[in-house]
Protein backbone atom coordinates (compact mmCIF):
# COMPACT_ATOMS: atom_id res chain seq x y z
CA MET A 1 -56.23 -7.53 4.46
CA GLN A 2 -55.51 -4.98 7.18
CA LYS A 3 -59.13 -3.07 8.42
CA HIS A 4 -59.12 0.47 8.24
CA GLU A 5 -60.17 2.45 11.41
CA ILE A 6 -61.25 5.56 12.23
CA THR A 7 -60.85 7.45 15.46
CA ARG A 8 -62.44 10.74 16.62
CA ILE A 9 -60.71 12.85 18.34
CA ARG A 10 -62.86 15.41 20.63
CA LYS A 11 -61.09 18.43 21.97
CA ASP A 12 -62.79 21.17 24.04
CA VAL A 13 -64.17 24.24 22.67
CA VAL A 14 -61.99 26.91 23.06
CA ARG A 15 -63.43 30.91 22.12
CA ARG A 16 -60.87 32.95 20.72
CA THR A 17 -61.44 36.19 18.94
CA LEU A 18 -59.69 36.54 15.37
CA ARG A 19 -59.37 39.40 13.14
CA VAL A 20 -59.14 38.88 9.12
CA THR A 21 -56.18 40.17 7.64
CA ALA A 22 -56.27 38.90 4.27
CA LYS A 23 -58.68 37.50 1.83
CA GLU A 24 -58.13 36.11 -1.95
CA TYR A 25 -60.75 34.73 -3.80
CA LEU A 26 -59.39 31.31 -5.70
CA THR A 27 -62.32 31.27 -7.52
CA PRO A 28 -65.76 33.61 -8.17
CA ARG A 29 -67.45 31.48 -5.18
CA MET A 30 -64.01 30.49 -3.28
CA LEU A 31 -62.49 32.85 -0.99
CA ARG A 32 -59.62 32.00 1.29
CA ILE A 33 -59.19 34.08 4.53
CA VAL A 34 -56.20 34.41 6.89
CA PHE A 35 -57.02 35.38 10.20
CA GLN A 36 -54.91 36.91 13.15
CA SER A 37 -55.13 36.64 16.90
CA ASP A 38 -52.82 36.50 19.84
CA GLU A 39 -55.18 33.75 20.84
CA LEU A 40 -54.32 31.04 18.94
CA GLN A 41 -51.84 29.51 21.16
CA GLY A 42 -52.93 25.73 21.59
CA PHE A 43 -54.73 25.61 18.16
CA ASP A 44 -54.38 22.14 16.61
CA SER A 45 -55.94 20.43 13.71
CA PRO A 46 -55.25 16.71 13.84
CA SER A 47 -57.27 16.00 10.75
CA PRO A 48 -57.69 16.68 7.13
CA ASP A 49 -61.03 16.63 7.67
CA ASP A 50 -61.45 18.74 10.60
CA HIS A 51 -63.51 22.04 10.69
CA ILE A 52 -63.95 24.86 13.29
CA LYS A 53 -66.91 27.12 13.18
CA ILE A 54 -66.41 30.81 13.08
CA PHE A 55 -69.23 32.86 14.26
CA LEU A 56 -69.37 36.47 12.52
CA PRO A 57 -71.71 39.76 13.67
CA SER A 58 -75.13 39.77 11.77
CA PRO A 59 -76.73 43.23 11.50
CA GLY A 60 -79.77 43.63 12.88
CA ASP A 61 -79.73 40.79 14.98
CA GLU A 62 -78.65 39.40 17.88
CA LYS A 63 -77.96 36.20 16.98
CA PRO A 64 -74.63 35.49 14.86
CA ILE A 65 -74.29 33.98 11.89
CA SER A 66 -72.08 31.22 11.94
CA ARG A 67 -70.06 28.99 9.40
CA ASP A 68 -67.72 26.01 9.28
CA PHE A 69 -64.27 26.16 7.70
CA THR A 70 -61.55 23.67 7.15
CA PRO A 71 -58.16 24.41 8.57
CA ARG A 72 -55.53 25.15 5.87
CA ALA A 73 -52.64 26.65 7.47
CA TRP A 74 -51.70 27.83 10.79
CA ASP A 75 -48.74 29.63 12.14
CA LEU A 76 -49.14 29.53 15.70
CA GLY A 77 -45.62 31.77 15.96
CA ALA A 78 -47.05 34.32 13.88
CA GLY A 79 -50.77 33.92 15.32
CA THR A 80 -52.23 33.38 12.11
CA PHE A 81 -54.81 30.75 10.65
CA THR A 82 -55.79 30.38 6.98
CA HIS A 83 -58.76 29.12 5.83
């Protein structure tokens, strides 16, 4: 029997500025968001359990709100990323 091997891939942290270009409610509590940025060159998500961290401005607070998202699709030519 072949043993299953898990390999962790570490990537350098790259800060990018994104803007929301579309959103769609899939369920009342699940939202699909499409982001756009010219800074997406070099982005890659090699694993289905990958995640990215997005920081959002927090009104009245200097500390931003952070959320983890799972990349669903990206098109580097169009500069779009879909969560």
